[in-house]
Amino acid sequence: MNGKESASGASGTAPGPLAGVRILDLTSVVLGPLATQILGDYGADVVKVENLEGDLARDSGVSLHQGMSSIFLAINRNKRSIAVDLKSPEGKAVLRRLLPGADVLVHNMRVAAIEKLGFGYDAVAELRPEIVYCAATGFGQDGPDRDKPAFDDIIQAACGLASVNSLGREQPDYVPTLIADKTTGMALVNAVLAALFFRERSGRGQYVEVPMFETMVAFLLSEHLGGLSFDPAPGKAGYARLLAGGRRPAPTKDGYIAILPYTADQLKAFFNGVGRTDLAQKYGGADRPTRNAQLVEMYRDMVQMTRQRSTAELMAICTSLDIPATPIYTLDALPEHPQIKAVGLIQQAEHPSEGSIRYINPSTLFAASPATVRLPAPLLGQHTEDILREAGYDAAEIAALEARRVIARAANKD
């Protein structure tokens, strides 16, 4: 699905590395849907199992029509939607009919809740022993917080991220992106792929758990464990280069710029390039421990240099000296970023219900089995009939289920 090609069907390109894998996606909101979209981009047949009201994300963000918000569109392509009431006996029977054909089941319910529905791991494995069953939980199930609800804000606060993000301010603050959801979603993708690889070698399915809290603590402490790495601890937690102060976009005569002369040679080159040979020697000639101790002072001196020049001048200097640097881009400016335009990361397509939309192409390159965008984000229940027919239901049975409000089909199916 490239350029202005219709988003309503397959693109005709080669299938991805997960072609032939079927995923039952019982997730909602952001964490799970992001993960299953990536798996769908990689070629999996993702069956999105929604309740009759639909995923909550359908109404989060900007919308032209109810139920098809910008966030839903962004993380639910390459999926087929079936709307079914899993609290009803007949709805449970529908899901049981789908399980034998599934390779993976993913959910982000609390474990007690899905077990109450009758679809905990043991119950599902009885019907499909080879299943890769992945639970995206808020907290690991071996801990005292296992039954607590968790959303991105809660996890940012609990894992230390909101505290770290308060640098220079007394009040903790959230990172203004759903970083816990999305990072844990990436971890979920990795977990599913690893479990599928294990099954390919052993023939065995398994239970997989990806907890948000533990995933984000591990994510944050990879560089911030600091002095706590040792026992007894010689210092506090934290990575000084990020926390000591000064690490922020630098002001220029006409805006801001990000510059990172990271090595001794780059420090020498930068300060020589702006005419400060004394500072080039001071920072570029020092050994690593000395440079690390001078971080705050170095950032302050660098800002004094950037204030005297325009962003374009500084970019020219850094480009000529091979020093990492970039202008500051706003969200609205990103579609015009030269790199994004060159690689075609942001594309346009015709969505069956939403008209012309922008979408983000898969960013991972597979030379032999490319990731593709084959299906647009679906209407609620758009594929209910197709999926039920694949499971062996006939037209009369489907109509009866719909009449009893066990399932729903999209009113506008394309």
Protein backbone atom coordinates (compact mmCIF):
# COMPACT_ATOMS: atom_id res chain seq x y z
CA MET A 1 0.00 0.00 0.00
CA ASN A 2 2.19 2.81 -1.27
CA GLY A 3 1.50 6.39 -2.27
CA LYS A 4 -2.19 6.95 -2.98
CA GLU A 5 -2.94 3.23 -3.44
CA SER A 6 -6.17 2.08 -1.84
CA ALA A 7 -5.91 0.84 1.72
CA SER A 8 -8.78 -1.61 1.26
CA GLY A 9 -6.86 -4.62 0.00
CA ALA A 10 -3.56 -6.40 -0.37
CA SER A 11 -0.66 -4.56 -1.94
CA GLY A 12 0.51 -7.47 -4.05
CA THR A 13 3.99 -7.53 -2.54
CA ALA A 14 5.65 -10.64 -1.09
CA PRO A 15 4.31 -11.88 2.25
CA GLY A 16 6.20 -10.99 5.40
CA PRO A 17 8.20 -13.34 7.63
CA LEU A 18 5.09 -14.27 9.67
CA ALA A 19 2.91 -15.18 6.69
CA GLY A 20 0.74 -18.15 7.67
CA VAL A 21 0.72 -17.30 11.39
CA ARG A 22 -2.71 -16.54 12.87
CA ILE A 23 -3.02 -14.36 15.97
CA LEU A 24 -6.12 -13.98 18.12
CA ASP A 25 -5.80 -10.44 19.43
CA LEU A 26 -7.85 -9.82 22.57
CA THR A 27 -5.97 -6.63 23.42
CA SER A 28 -7.24 -3.06 23.48
CA VAL A 29 -6.12 0.58 23.86
CA VAL A 30 -2.39 0.94 22.95
CA LEU A 31 0.10 -1.61 24.31
CA GLY A 32 -1.36 -4.74 22.79
CA PRO A 33 -2.72 -3.23 19.56
CA LEU A 34 0.66 -1.65 18.76
CA ALA A 35 2.34 -5.03 19.22
CA THR A 36 -0.17 -6.97 17.16
CA GLN A 37 -0.03 -4.36 14.40
CA ILE A 38 3.71 -4.94 14.09
CA LEU A 39 3.10 -8.68 13.93
CA GLY A 40 0.48 -7.99 11.27
CA ASP A 41 2.94 -5.84 9.33
CA TYR A 42 5.27 -8.85 9.42
CA GLY A 43 2.62 -10.91 7.64
CA ALA A 44 0.54 -12.50 10.41
CA ASP A 45 -3.24 -12.83 10.05
CA VAL A 46 -4.37 -10.84 13.08
CA VAL A 47 -7.97 -11.42 14.18
CA LYS A 48 -8.95 -8.53 16.45
CA VAL A 49 -11.56 -9.80 18.90
CA GLU A 50 -13.58 -6.82 20.18
CA ASN A 51 -16.58 -6.54 22.45
CA LEU A 52 -19.78 -5.15 20.96
CA GLU A 53 -18.84 -1.57 21.95
CA GLY A 54 -15.36 -1.85 20.41
CA ASP A 55 -11.84 -1.05 21.52
CA LEU A 56 -11.69 2.04 23.78
CA ALA A 57 -9.01 3.47 21.48
CA ARG A 58 -11.63 3.84 18.74
CA ASP A 59 -12.63 7.12 20.41
CA SER A 60 -9.18 8.39 21.51
CA GLY A 61 -7.56 11.17 19.50
CA VAL A 62 -8.89 13.07 16.51
CA SER A 63 -11.89 11.61 14.67
CA LEU A 64 -13.84 12.30 11.52
CA HIS A 65 -16.33 9.56 12.36
CA GLN A 66 -17.10 7.96 15.70
CA GLY A 67 -15.16 4.77 16.30
CA MET A 68 -12.34 5.54 13.86
CA SER A 69 -9.99 7.86 15.76
CA SER A 70 -6.49 8.86 14.71
CA ILE A 71 -4.93 6.65 17.40
CA PHE A 72 -7.03 3.64 16.43
CA LEU A 73 -6.12 4.11 12.77
CA ALA A 74 -2.43 4.35 13.68
CA ILE A 75 -2.17 1.05 15.57
CA ASN A 76 -4.79 -1.28 14.10
CA ARG A 77 -4.00 -1.79 10.45
CA ASN A 78 -3.40 -5.28 9.04
CA LYS A 79 -6.13 -6.69 11.29
CA ARG A 80 -9.56 -8.18 10.79
CA SER A 81 -12.23 -7.25 13.34
CA ILE A 82 -14.79 -9.60 14.83
CA ALA A 83 -17.23 -8.13 17.37
CA VAL A 84 -18.43 -10.72 19.89
CA ASP A 85 -19.80 -10.71 23.43
CA LEU A 86 -17.36 -12.96 25.28
CA LYS A 87 -19.41 -12.70 28.48
CA SER A 88 -22.23 -14.68 26.91
CA PRO A 89 -22.10 -18.49 26.63
CA GLU A 90 -22.56 -18.33 22.87
CA GLY A 91 -19.83 -15.72 22.56
CA LYS A 92 -17.45 -17.93 24.52
CA ALA A 93 -18.34 -20.76 22.15
CA VAL A 94 -17.37 -18.56 19.19
CA LEU A 95 -13.90 -17.94 20.62
CA ARG A 96 -13.49 -21.66 21.36
CA ARG A 97 -14.27 -22.38 17.70
CA LEU A 98 -11.52 -19.95 16.65
CA LEU A 99 -8.82 -21.32 18.96
CA PRO A 100 -7.88 -24.52 17.07
CA GLY A 101 -6.77 -22.46 14.07
CA ALA A 102 -4.72 -19.97 16.09
CA ASP A 103 -0.96 -19.94 16.58
CA VAL A 104 -0.91 -17.09 19.11
CA LEU A 105 -3.36 -15.58 21.58
CA VAL A 106 -2.51 -12.18 23.05
CA HIS A 107 -4.47 -10.35 25.74
CA ASN A 108 -3.93 -7.41 28.11
CA MET A 109 -6.66 -8.15 30.61
CA ARG A 110 -5.90 -8.77 34.24
CA VAL A 111 -5.21 -12.47 34.62
CA ALA A 112 -8.08 -12.97 37.08
CA ALA A 113 -10.48 -11.36 34.60
CA ILE A 114 -9.59 -13.56 31.64
CA GLU A 115 -9.62 -16.66 33.82
CA LYS A 116 -13.13 -15.69 34.95
CA LEU A 117 -14.13 -15.52 31.28
CA GLY A 118 -12.85 -19.06 30.87
CA PHE A 119 -9.83 -18.27 28.69
CA GLY A 120 -6.88 -18.51 31.05
CA TYR A 121 -3.82 -20.33 29.78
CA ASP A 122 -4.76 -23.77 31.07
CA ALA A 123 -8.23 -23.62 29.52
CA VAL A 124 -6.90 -22.40 26.16
CA ALA A 125 -4.04 -24.93 26.10
CA GLU A 126 -6.54 -27.76 26.52
CA LEU A 127 -8.10 -26.75 23.20
CA ARG A 128 -4.85 -25.78 21.47
CA PRO A 129 -1.76 -27.25 23.20
CA GLU A 130 0.63 -25.67 20.69
CA ILE A 131 -0.65 -22.14 21.33
CA VAL A 132 1.72 -19.31 22.18
CA TYR A 133 -0.32 -17.60 24.89
CA CYS A 134 0.96 -14.11 25.71
CA ALA A 135 -0.39 -12.08 28.64
CA ALA A 136 0.54 -8.39 28.68
CA THR A 137 0.03 -7.57 32.35
CA GLY A 138 0.47 -4.44 34.43
CA PHE A 139 2.61 -6.18 37.03
CA GLY A 140 4.31 -9.56 37.17
CA GLN A 141 2.01 -12.25 38.52
CA ASP A 142 4.50 -13.42 41.16
CA GLY A 143 4.35 -10.08 43.03
CA PRO A 144 1.91 -8.45 45.43
CA ASP A 145 0.74 -5.92 42.79
CA ARG A 146 -0.34 -8.61 40.32
CA ASP A 147 -4.02 -7.67 40.43
CA LYS A 148 -3.60 -3.89 40.32
CA PRO A 149 -4.83 -1.93 37.29
CA ALA A 150 -2.11 -0.28 35.22
CA PHE A 151 -2.05 2.42 32.57
CA ASP A 152 0.83 4.35 31.06
CA ASP A 153 0.73 7.18 33.64
CA ILE A 154 0.69 4.73 36.54
CA ILE A 155 3.67 2.81 35.21
CA GLN A 156 5.66 5.97 34.40
CA ALA A 157 5.21 7.04 38.01
CA ALA A 158 5.87 3.62 39.55
CA CYS A 159 8.99 2.76 37.54
CA GLY A 160 10.83 6.01 38.35
CA LEU A 161 10.44 7.67 34.97
CA ALA A 162 8.23 10.53 36.19
CA SER A 163 10.79 11.27 38.90
CA VAL A 164 13.75 11.24 36.50
CA ASN A 165 11.79 13.50 34.14
CA SER A 166 11.53 16.19 36.83
CA LEU A 167 15.17 17.28 36.38
CA GLY A 168 15.49 20.90 37.46
CA ARG A 169 11.93 21.01 38.80
CA GLU A 170 10.43 19.95 42.10
CA GLN A 171 7.34 18.37 40.54
CA PRO A 172 7.56 14.93 38.90
CA ASP A 173 6.25 14.86 35.34
CA TYR A 174 5.16 12.36 32.74
CA VAL A 175 6.96 11.97 29.42
CA PRO A 176 4.45 13.32 26.85
CA THR A 177 4.19 10.11 24.89
CA LEU A 178 2.76 6.72 25.84
CA ILE A 179 6.26 5.40 26.42
CA ALA A 180 5.36 2.61 28.85
CA ASP A 181 2.65 1.25 26.57
CA LYS A 182 4.80 1.42 23.46
CA THR A 183 8.03 0.12 25.00
CA THR A 184 6.20 -2.80 26.57
CA GLY A 185 4.45 -3.38 23.24
CA MET A 186 7.85 -3.77 21.59
CA ALA A 187 8.84 -6.22 24.34
CA LEU A 188 5.64 -8.15 23.64
CA VAL A 189 6.54 -8.44 19.96
CA ASN A 190 9.96 -9.83 20.90
CA ALA A 191 8.40 -12.30 23.32
CA VAL A 192 5.90 -13.62 20.76
CA LEU A 193 8.60 -14.01 18.11
CA ALA A 194 10.90 -15.86 20.52
CA ALA A 195 8.08 -18.19 21.62
CA LEU A 196 7.16 -18.90 17.99
CA PHE A 197 10.80 -19.72 17.24
CA PHE A 198 10.90 -22.06 20.26
CA ARG A 199 7.72 -23.76 19.04
CA GLU A 200 9.20 -24.12 15.56
CA ARG A 201 12.14 -26.03 17.04
CA SER A 202 10.38 -27.97 19.81
CA GLY A 203 6.74 -28.22 18.71
CA ARG A 204 5.68 -26.89 22.11
CA GLY A 205 3.52 -23.88 22.91
CA GLN A 206 3.86 -22.00 26.17
CA TYR A 207 2.59 -19.29 28.49
CA VAL A 208 4.40 -15.95 28.06
CA GLU A 209 4.03 -12.98 30.38
CA VAL A 210 5.15 -9.43 29.58
CA PRO A 211 4.56 -7.11 32.58
CA MET A 212 4.58 -3.34 32.03
CA PHE A 213 6.10 -2.38 35.38
CA GLU A 214 9.04 -4.78 35.32
CA THR A 215 9.69 -4.09 31.63
CA MET A 216 9.90 -0.34 32.27
CA VAL A 217 12.05 -0.68 35.41
CA ALA A 218 14.51 -2.76 33.38
CA PHE A 219 14.30 -0.24 30.53
CA LEU A 220 15.04 2.72 32.80
CA LEU A 221 17.73 1.14 34.96
CA SER A 222 19.83 -0.12 32.04
CA GLU A 223 21.72 3.19 32.25
CA HIS A 224 20.38 4.59 35.53
CA LEU A 225 21.28 1.79 37.95
CA GLY A 226 24.52 3.70 38.48
CA GLY A 227 26.08 3.31 41.92
CA LEU A 228 23.44 0.75 42.90
CA SER A 229 25.15 -1.65 40.48
CA PHE A 230 27.59 -2.47 43.29
CA ASP A 231 27.18 -3.71 46.86
CA PRO A 232 27.98 -1.77 48.90
CA ALA A 233 26.94 1.09 46.64
CA PRO A 234 29.66 3.71 46.05
CA GLY A 235 27.04 6.25 44.97
CA LYS A 236 23.40 6.83 44.11
CA ALA A 237 21.46 5.55 41.15
CA GLY A 238 21.48 7.64 37.96
CA TYR A 239 23.58 8.31 34.86
CA ALA A 240 25.34 11.62 35.48
CA ARG A 241 25.57 12.68 31.83
CA LEU A 242 21.78 12.71 31.66
CA LEU A 243 21.04 14.04 35.13
CA ALA A 244 23.82 16.49 36.01
CA GLY A 245 22.18 19.35 34.13
CA GLY A 246 22.75 21.03 30.78
CA ARG A 247 21.72 18.15 28.54
CA ARG A 248 19.01 19.83 26.51
CA PRO A 249 18.61 21.45 23.09
CA ALA A 250 20.94 24.42 22.79
CA PRO A 251 19.64 27.91 21.95
CA THR A 252 20.79 29.55 18.73
CA LYS A 253 20.33 33.07 17.33
CA ASP A 254 17.08 31.98 15.68
CA GLY A 255 15.88 28.88 17.52
CA TYR A 256 17.32 25.70 18.97
CA ILE A 257 19.60 22.88 17.89
CA ALA A 258 20.68 19.49 19.20
CA ILE A 259 24.45 18.98 19.09
CA LEU A 260 26.33 16.05 20.60
CA PRO A 261 30.11 16.12 20.22
CA TYR A 262 30.48 12.82 22.06
CA THR A 263 34.09 11.78 21.56
CA ALA A 264 37.30 13.67 22.32
CA ASP A 265 37.92 14.20 18.60
CA GLN A 266 34.41 15.59 18.12
CA LEU A 267 34.82 17.97 21.05
CA LYS A 268 38.10 19.23 19.60
CA ALA A 269 36.52 19.62 16.17
CA PHE A 270 33.48 21.50 17.46
CA PHE A 271 35.29 24.04 19.62
CA ASN A 272 37.99 24.55 16.98
CA GLY A 273 35.21 25.00 14.42
CA VAL A 274 33.66 27.84 16.44
CA GLY A 275 37.04 29.46 17.05
CA ARG A 276 37.67 28.38 20.64
CA THR A 277 40.94 26.48 20.51
CA ASP A 278 41.33 26.88 24.28
CA LEU A 279 38.12 24.98 24.92
CA ALA A 280 39.05 22.43 22.25
CA GLN A 281 42.15 21.61 24.24
CA LYS A 282 40.37 21.76 27.60
CA TYR A 283 37.66 19.26 26.70
CA GLY A 284 39.12 17.39 23.74
CA GLY A 285 42.47 16.89 25.40
CA ALA A 286 41.13 15.52 28.67
CA ASP A 287 40.78 11.85 29.50
CA ARG A 288 37.32 10.30 29.89
CA PRO A 289 36.98 10.60 33.68
CA THR A 290 38.00 14.25 33.52
CA ARG A 291 35.59 14.97 30.66
CA ASN A 292 32.79 13.29 32.59
CA ALA A 293 33.51 15.49 35.59
CA GLN A 294 33.35 18.58 33.35
CA LEU A 295 29.98 17.83 31.78
CA VAL A 296 27.99 20.71 33.26
CA GLU A 297 30.76 23.18 32.48
CA MET A 298 31.15 21.82 28.95
CA TYR A 299 27.43 22.15 28.21
CA ARG A 300 27.50 25.72 29.53
CA ASP A 301 30.45 26.65 27.29
CA MET A 302 28.82 25.01 24.28
CA VAL A 303 25.64 27.05 24.81
CA GLN A 304 27.69 30.25 24.84
CA MET A 305 28.95 29.31 21.38
CA THR A 306 25.58 28.28 19.93
CA ARG A 307 23.87 31.51 21.04
CA GLN A 308 26.18 33.47 18.73
CA ARG A 309 25.24 31.62 15.54
CA SER A 310 22.12 30.69 13.59
CA THR A 311 20.84 27.15 13.46
CA ALA A 312 21.82 26.91 9.78
CA GLU A 313 25.38 28.08 10.50
CA LEU A 314 25.79 25.53 13.26
CA MET A 315 24.36 22.76 11.10
CA ALA A 316 26.87 23.62 8.38
CA ILE A 317 29.76 23.51 10.85
CA CYS A 318 28.65 20.21 12.37
CA THR A 319 27.95 18.60 9.00
CA SER A 320 31.38 19.54 7.67
CA LEU A 321 33.05 18.12 10.79
CA ASP A 322 30.87 14.96 11.03
CA ILE A 323 29.52 15.98 14.44
CA PRO A 324 26.05 14.63 15.33
CA ALA A 325 23.53 17.49 15.10
CA THR A 326 19.98 18.23 14.02
CA PRO A 327 17.51 21.10 14.02
CA ILE A 328 14.55 20.73 16.38
CA TYR A 329 11.52 19.41 14.51
CA THR A 330 7.95 19.91 15.67
CA LEU A 331 5.36 17.16 15.26
CA ASP A 332 3.66 19.13 12.48
CA ALA A 333 6.96 19.52 10.63
CA LEU A 334 7.92 15.83 10.64
CA PRO A 335 6.17 14.92 7.35
CA GLU A 336 8.54 17.36 5.58
CA HIS A 337 11.71 15.95 7.19
CA PRO A 338 14.07 15.15 4.25
CA GLN A 339 14.93 11.69 5.57
CA ILE A 340 11.28 10.76 6.15
CA LYS A 341 10.36 11.94 2.64
CA ALA A 342 13.29 10.10 1.05
CA VAL A 343 12.48 6.71 2.59
CA GLY A 344 8.70 7.12 2.27
CA LEU A 345 8.02 6.55 5.96
CA ILE A 346 4.80 8.59 5.93
CA GLN A 347 2.42 7.59 3.16
CA GLN A 348 -1.12 8.45 2.07
CA ALA A 349 -3.90 6.06 1.15
CA GLU A 350 -7.66 5.92 0.72
CA HIS A 351 -9.41 4.39 3.71
CA PRO A 352 -12.83 2.85 2.94
CA SER A 353 -14.65 4.93 5.57
CA GLU A 354 -12.25 7.77 6.43
CA GLY A 355 -11.13 8.91 2.99
CA SER A 356 -7.55 10.07 2.45
CA ILE A 357 -5.39 9.30 5.48
CA ARG A 358 -1.72 9.41 6.37
CA TYR A 359 -0.11 6.30 7.81
CA ILE A 360 3.36 5.25 8.92
CA ASN A 361 5.04 2.59 6.83
CA PRO A 362 6.81 -0.28 8.64
CA SER A 363 10.28 0.97 9.51
CA THR A 364 12.00 -2.44 9.57
CA LEU A 365 13.49 -3.75 6.32
CA PHE A 366 13.32 -7.44 5.43
CA ALA A 367 15.09 -7.98 2.12
CA ALA A 368 13.51 -11.36 1.29
CA SER A 369 10.16 -11.13 3.11
CA PRO A 370 9.16 -7.46 3.34
CA ALA A 371 6.78 -6.07 5.91
CA THR A 372 3.71 -4.67 4.18
CA VAL A 373 0.54 -2.68 4.82
CA ARG A 374 -2.22 -4.83 3.35
CA LEU A 375 -5.37 -3.87 5.26
CA PRO A 376 -6.59 -0.57 6.73
CA ALA A 377 -7.72 -0.32 10.34
CA PRO A 378 -11.10 -2.10 10.34
CA LEU A 379 -14.57 -0.93 11.20
CA LEU A 380 -15.98 -2.60 14.31
CA GLY A 381 -17.12 -6.07 13.28
CA GLN A 382 -16.11 -5.50 9.64
CA HIS A 383 -14.90 -9.09 9.25
CA THR A 384 -17.22 -10.86 11.70
CA GLU A 385 -19.04 -12.81 9.00
CA ASP A 386 -15.87 -13.81 7.14
CA ILE A 387 -14.17 -15.05 10.31
CA LEU A 388 -17.22 -17.00 11.45
CA ARG A 389 -17.58 -18.65 8.06
CA GLU A 390 -13.91 -19.67 8.24
CA ALA A 391 -14.72 -21.28 11.61
CA GLY A 392 -17.55 -23.31 10.07
CA TYR A 393 -20.64 -21.21 10.87
CA ASP A 394 -23.28 -21.04 8.16
CA ALA A 395 -25.41 -18.05 7.20
CA ALA A 396 -28.37 -19.06 9.38
CA GLU A 397 -26.17 -19.54 12.45
CA ILE A 398 -24.51 -16.18 11.91
CA ALA A 399 -27.85 -14.43 11.52
CA ALA A 400 -29.13 -16.06 14.71
CA LEU A 401 -26.06 -14.98 16.67
CA GLU A 402 -26.51 -11.44 15.41
CA ALA A 403 -30.21 -11.41 16.30
CA ARG A 404 -29.37 -12.45 19.86
CA ARG A 405 -26.70 -9.73 20.12
CA VAL A 406 -23.89 -12.24 20.53
CA ILE A 407 -22.03 -10.78 17.55
CA ALA A 408 -22.14 -7.59 15.52
CA ARG A 409 -21.33 -6.87 11.90
CA ALA A 410 -20.26 -3.51 10.54
CA ALA A 411 -23.12 -1.55 9.05
CA ASN A 412 -20.80 -0.21 6.36
CA LYS A 413 -18.60 -3.03 5.16
CA ASP A 414 -16.23 -2.55 2.27
